[in-house]
Amino acid sequence: MSIKDLIPFKQSGKKSLPIKRSDGDPFDSLHREINRVFENFTKGFWDMSPFSGGAMEQRDQGDFMPRTDITEDDKQIRVSVELPGMDEKDVQVSLANDELVIRGEKKTESEDKGKDWYRAERSYGSFHRTFALPEGIDSAKADASFKKGVLTVTIPKKADAQRDVKKITVRHE
């Protein structure tokens, strides 16, 4: 078999059948695949920015939604919010009407000068999160701490809300 036998168009002196491709032009599918590879490749780099969707979900220009974990056990509710690069002075926490409200603002500025150049960068972002809390919490004993870029809010439950939970066995019929 020669290379000419593999060519899908009519050769001089030979009659051949056209090859039907279900997915169109092979170069188009190659182009789509290369685009997909580069899109997936670059997603990881842009997600590393504190104002992008990796560490924080991007909303509007300058706004972000920090990653949050909420856990509950029989004694308390704990809310942990990832706020890299922020300080406790940049965050406000309030508790009213069985809602926990966390607000924050991040501003960074950097300036660099050289002999023949000058570079200044500024970034700004703010967030506002509201969490509905269940009945039976003791808001007077709520506590918030900030350590290594993570805000942790602990809200204990009232004694009557800390009742023993009865486990019910599920039968198979």
Foldseek 3Di string as FASTA:
>chain_A
DDPVVVDQDDDPPDDHHHDDDPVPDPVVVVVVVVVVVVVVVCVVVVLVDCQDCNQWHHDDAQETHGDWDWDDDLWKIKIKTFAAPDDPVQWDWDADPQKIKIKGKDKDWDWDDDPPDIDIDIGIHMYMDMDHHDPFWDVVPWDWDDDNRMIMIMITGHPVSSDDDDDDDDDDD
